């Protein structure tokens, strides 16, 4: 009977020791995993694209991208025709470098994605030539998925050739579809789509409109099709 009791005590002690060792091992592994998780992830390197040189400008332009794009971020935008050789990277900024003085500055002072940029050169008879840069920029998380991507609004901006005097020209929560310059009016007309149903998406159910931008005095564009005009159209079509 004493032998049985002794063996029972030994067995109990072994079980307790085993459980204790198992718990300690589990806690140790959890702590190690936590430490590994806490380690900062290495940041991708900044990549500077090829120089963009325009004879019309006193400034050189240096596109700013990063070495790798995380697919989880969903960034799948297209770079403009001006930047064909760097299509695999997204632009986060542009450096403007003054050829003569060596002064350099950034186009943007905030986090954003430059989807495209084009030089507008407007020539009209008996008028000075107008030259500005037109950008399509994603700078707000309009679909609230905590990242900037092709599902967000794409806003139009204009700057002078030096990359200064950056001015928003299309409304918030819209996306540029296309644009055309009318030299005789020194005006830029931009077709946009609005998230008119406020569902944080741009779909065929959303309204489109046209925005007119006066290149003589650059400011937020004026929408061409008013609510009144649209209501008249509907009354003729759907009555």
Protein backbone atom coordinates (compact mmCIF):
# COMPACT_ATOMS: atom_id res chain seq x y z
CA UNK A 1 0.00 0.00 0.00
CA UNK A 2 2.89 2.30 0.89
CA UNK A 3 4.57 1.41 -2.39
CA UNK A 4 1.44 2.35 -4.33
CA UNK A 5 1.22 5.68 -2.51
CA UNK A 6 4.89 6.38 -3.20
CA UNK A 7 4.50 5.59 -6.92
CA UNK A 8 1.40 7.79 -7.08
CA UNK A 9 3.35 10.69 -5.59
CA UNK A 10 6.17 10.23 -8.11
CA UNK A 11 3.71 10.08 -11.01
CA UNK A 12 1.97 13.26 -9.84
CA UNK A 13 5.32 15.06 -9.50
CA UNK A 14 6.31 14.03 -13.04
CA UNK A 15 3.01 15.24 -14.49
CA UNK A 16 3.30 18.59 -12.68
CA UNK A 17 6.91 19.01 -13.84
CA UNK A 18 5.94 18.17 -17.41
CA UNK A 19 3.07 20.64 -17.40
CA UNK A 20 5.27 23.32 -15.84
CA UNK A 21 7.98 22.78 -18.46
CA UNK A 22 5.38 22.84 -21.24
CA UNK A 23 3.88 26.10 -19.98
CA UNK A 24 7.30 27.70 -19.65
CA UNK A 25 8.22 26.59 -23.17
CA UNK A 26 4.94 27.96 -24.52
CA UNK A 27 5.45 31.28 -22.72
CA UNK A 28 9.03 31.42 -23.97
CA UNK A 29 7.96 30.78 -27.57
CA UNK A 30 5.20 33.40 -27.26
CA UNK A 31 7.70 35.94 -25.91
CA UNK A 32 10.13 35.18 -28.73
CA UNK A 33 7.37 35.56 -31.30
CA UNK A 34 6.33 38.86 -29.74
CA UNK A 35 9.92 40.10 -29.89
CA UNK A 36 10.16 39.08 -33.54
CA UNK A 37 6.90 40.89 -34.29
CA UNK A 38 8.08 44.00 -32.48
CA UNK A 39 11.14 44.30 -34.73
CA UNK A 40 10.71 47.21 -37.16
CA UNK A 41 10.25 46.13 -40.75
CA UNK A 42 12.98 47.39 -43.09
CA UNK A 43 11.87 50.31 -45.22
CA UNK A 44 12.33 50.16 -49.00
CA UNK A 45 14.97 52.40 -50.49
CA UNK A 46 14.15 55.71 -52.11
CA UNK A 47 14.62 55.54 -55.88
CA UNK A 48 15.23 58.61 -58.04
CA UNK A 49 14.06 58.30 -61.63
CA UNK A 50 15.79 59.64 -64.72
CA UNK A 51 16.04 63.39 -65.14
CA UNK A 52 13.14 65.02 -66.94
CA UNK A 53 14.43 67.94 -68.98
CA UNK A 54 12.18 70.40 -70.78
CA UNK A 55 13.78 73.14 -72.85
CA UNK A 56 10.84 75.40 -72.03
CA UNK A 57 11.69 75.28 -68.32
CA UNK A 58 14.60 76.51 -66.21
CA UNK A 59 14.07 73.49 -63.95
CA UNK A 60 15.08 69.85 -64.11
CA UNK A 61 12.67 67.33 -62.59
CA UNK A 62 13.64 64.25 -60.60
CA UNK A 63 10.82 61.74 -59.90
CA UNK A 64 10.81 60.16 -56.42
CA UNK A 65 9.73 56.53 -56.01
CA UNK A 66 10.66 53.56 -53.82
CA UNK A 67 12.54 50.37 -54.68
CA UNK A 68 9.64 47.97 -54.09
CA UNK A 69 5.87 48.12 -53.92
CA UNK A 70 4.02 45.97 -51.40
CA UNK A 71 1.24 44.19 -53.26
CA UNK A 72 -0.87 44.27 -50.10
CA UNK A 73 -1.08 48.02 -50.46
CA UNK A 74 -3.02 47.58 -53.67
CA UNK A 75 -1.14 50.32 -55.48
CA UNK A 76 -1.65 49.52 -59.15
CA UNK A 77 -1.84 52.95 -60.74
CA UNK A 78 -0.32 53.89 -64.08
CA UNK A 79 2.42 56.45 -64.49
CA UNK A 80 1.99 59.12 -67.15
CA UNK A 81 3.45 59.09 -70.64
CA UNK A 82 6.11 61.44 -69.31
CA UNK A 83 7.54 58.68 -67.18
CA UNK A 84 7.34 55.52 -69.31
CA UNK A 85 10.70 54.12 -68.19
CA UNK A 86 9.63 53.89 -64.53
CA UNK A 87 6.16 52.38 -64.90
CA UNK A 88 6.87 49.68 -62.31
CA UNK A 89 7.22 52.28 -59.55
CA UNK A 90 4.75 54.77 -58.16
CA UNK A 91 5.70 58.39 -57.73
CA UNK A 92 5.48 59.92 -54.28
CA UNK A 93 7.01 63.29 -55.10
CA UNK A 94 9.02 65.26 -57.67
CA UNK A 95 12.17 67.28 -57.03
CA UNK A 96 12.46 70.51 -59.03
CA UNK A 97 16.08 71.63 -59.53
CA UNK A 98 16.90 75.11 -60.83
CA UNK A 99 19.49 74.71 -63.59
CA UNK A 100 21.37 77.95 -62.93
CA UNK A 101 21.21 78.51 -59.15
CA UNK A 102 21.18 74.89 -58.02
CA UNK A 103 18.16 75.53 -55.76
CA UNK A 104 16.00 72.45 -55.23
CA UNK A 105 12.57 71.91 -53.70
CA UNK A 106 9.80 69.32 -53.57
CA UNK A 107 6.50 69.56 -55.39
CA UNK A 108 4.48 68.07 -52.50
CA UNK A 109 4.68 68.66 -48.75
CA UNK A 110 2.42 65.72 -47.87
CA UNK A 111 2.00 62.00 -48.46
CA UNK A 112 0.42 61.32 -51.85
CA UNK A 113 0.71 59.34 -55.06
CA UNK A 114 1.30 61.19 -58.32
CA UNK A 115 -0.69 59.16 -60.81
CA UNK A 116 0.40 61.18 -63.85
CA UNK A 117 1.83 64.52 -64.91
CA UNK A 118 1.80 66.31 -68.26
CA UNK A 119 3.19 69.57 -69.54
CA UNK A 120 0.46 71.82 -70.97
CA UNK A 121 1.73 74.30 -73.54
CA UNK A 122 -1.07 76.52 -74.79
CA UNK A 123 -0.35 78.68 -77.83
CA UNK A 124 -2.90 81.13 -79.18
CA UNK A 125 -2.57 83.88 -81.78
CA UNK A 126 -1.41 87.23 -80.41
CA UNK A 127 -1.25 85.85 -76.86
CA UNK A 128 1.73 84.79 -74.73
CA UNK A 129 2.25 81.04 -74.47
CA UNK A 130 0.91 79.46 -71.30
CA UNK A 131 2.96 76.61 -69.82
CA UNK A 132 1.90 74.69 -66.72
CA UNK A 133 2.19 71.20 -65.30
CA UNK A 134 -1.01 69.18 -64.89
CA UNK A 135 -0.96 66.44 -62.24
CA UNK A 136 -3.40 63.71 -61.28
CA UNK A 137 -2.83 63.08 -57.58
CA UNK A 138 -4.24 60.69 -54.97
CA UNK A 139 -3.92 62.40 -51.59
CA UNK A 140 -6.97 61.22 -49.62
CA UNK A 141 -8.12 57.76 -48.53
CA UNK A 142 -11.64 58.25 -49.88
CA UNK A 143 -12.65 54.59 -49.69
CA UNK A 144 -11.38 54.35 -46.06
CA UNK A 145 -9.28 51.22 -46.51
CA UNK A 146 -6.29 52.89 -44.73
CA UNK A 147 -4.17 53.18 -47.88
CA UNK A 148 -3.87 55.22 -51.05
CA UNK A 149 -4.71 53.19 -54.14
CA UNK A 150 -6.57 53.21 -57.45
CA UNK A 151 -9.92 52.98 -55.66
CA UNK A 152 -9.49 56.46 -54.20
CA UNK A 153 -10.34 59.83 -55.70
CA UNK A 154 -7.86 61.24 -58.23
CA UNK A 155 -7.64 65.02 -58.03
CA UNK A 156 -6.33 67.48 -60.63
CA UNK A 157 -3.62 69.99 -59.72
CA UNK A 158 -1.72 72.61 -61.69
CA UNK A 159 1.67 74.16 -60.95
CA UNK A 160 3.97 76.53 -62.79
CA UNK A 161 7.09 75.21 -64.52
CA UNK A 162 9.09 75.57 -61.31
CA UNK A 163 6.77 73.17 -59.46
CA UNK A 164 5.52 76.02 -57.28
CA UNK A 165 2.09 77.60 -56.83
CA UNK A 166 0.44 74.19 -56.75
CA UNK A 167 -3.32 74.64 -57.06
CA UNK A 168 -6.15 72.09 -56.81
CA UNK A 169 -8.47 72.45 -59.81
CA UNK A 170 -10.99 69.60 -59.50
CA UNK A 171 -13.35 69.02 -56.55
CA UNK A 172 -12.69 66.61 -53.69
CA UNK A 173 -14.12 63.11 -53.94
CA UNK A 174 -13.96 63.04 -57.74
CA UNK A 175 -11.87 61.29 -60.35
CA UNK A 176 -10.53 62.67 -63.62
CA UNK A 177 -11.71 60.81 -66.72
CA UNK A 178 -10.03 62.90 -69.43
CA UNK A 179 -9.20 66.49 -70.33
CA UNK A 180 -8.72 68.84 -73.29
CA UNK A 181 -7.20 72.30 -73.75
CA UNK A 182 -9.01 75.03 -75.72
CA UNK A 183 -6.24 77.46 -76.76
CA UNK A 184 -8.57 80.22 -77.97
CA UNK A 185 -10.08 80.48 -74.49
CA UNK A 186 -6.81 79.64 -72.71
CA UNK A 187 -8.91 77.17 -70.77
CA UNK A 188 -8.65 73.57 -69.64
CA UNK A 189 -11.78 71.38 -69.69
CA UNK A 190 -11.74 68.27 -67.53
CA UNK A 191 -14.31 65.49 -67.47
CA UNK A 192 -14.82 64.13 -63.95
CA UNK A 193 -16.87 61.48 -62.19
CA UNK A 194 -18.24 62.14 -58.69
CA UNK A 195 -19.04 59.70 -55.92
CA UNK A 196 -22.56 61.12 -56.09
CA UNK A 197 -24.19 58.29 -54.10
CA UNK A 198 -21.54 58.58 -51.34
CA UNK A 199 -20.80 54.86 -51.26
CA UNK A 200 -17.01 55.48 -51.35
CA UNK A 201 -16.78 53.94 -54.83
CA UNK A 202 -16.68 55.26 -58.39
CA UNK A 203 -19.14 53.31 -60.52
CA UNK A 204 -21.38 53.70 -63.55
CA UNK A 205 -24.17 54.83 -61.22
CA UNK A 206 -22.23 57.97 -60.26
CA UNK A 207 -22.70 61.32 -61.99
CA UNK A 208 -20.23 62.84 -64.42
CA UNK A 209 -19.62 66.48 -65.20
CA UNK A 210 -17.17 68.84 -66.87
CA UNK A 211 -14.99 71.38 -65.10
CA UNK A 212 -13.65 74.54 -66.75
CA UNK A 213 -10.31 75.92 -65.52
CA UNK A 214 -9.22 79.41 -66.56
CA UNK A 215 -5.49 79.20 -67.26
CA UNK A 216 -5.16 82.99 -67.07
CA UNK A 217 -6.11 82.87 -63.40
CA UNK A 218 -5.77 79.35 -62.06
CA UNK A 219 -8.18 78.30 -59.32
CA UNK A 220 -10.72 75.58 -58.56
CA UNK A 221 -12.55 74.75 -61.77
CA UNK A 222 -16.20 75.61 -62.36
CA UNK A 223 -18.64 72.79 -63.10
CA UNK A 224 -20.40 73.29 -66.42
CA UNK A 225 -23.55 71.20 -66.03
CA UNK A 226 -25.72 72.70 -63.27
CA UNK A 227 -28.36 70.82 -61.28
CA UNK A 228 -31.02 72.85 -63.07
CA UNK A 229 -29.77 71.80 -66.51
CA UNK A 230 -29.66 68.18 -65.42
CA UNK A 231 -33.22 68.33 -64.11
CA UNK A 232 -34.38 69.79 -67.42
CA UNK A 233 -32.67 67.00 -69.31
CA UNK A 234 -34.36 64.39 -67.11
CA UNK A 235 -37.76 66.02 -67.60
CA UNK A 236 -37.44 65.70 -71.38
CA UNK A 237 -36.07 62.16 -71.38
CA UNK A 238 -38.09 60.50 -68.63
CA UNK A 239 -41.44 62.29 -68.79
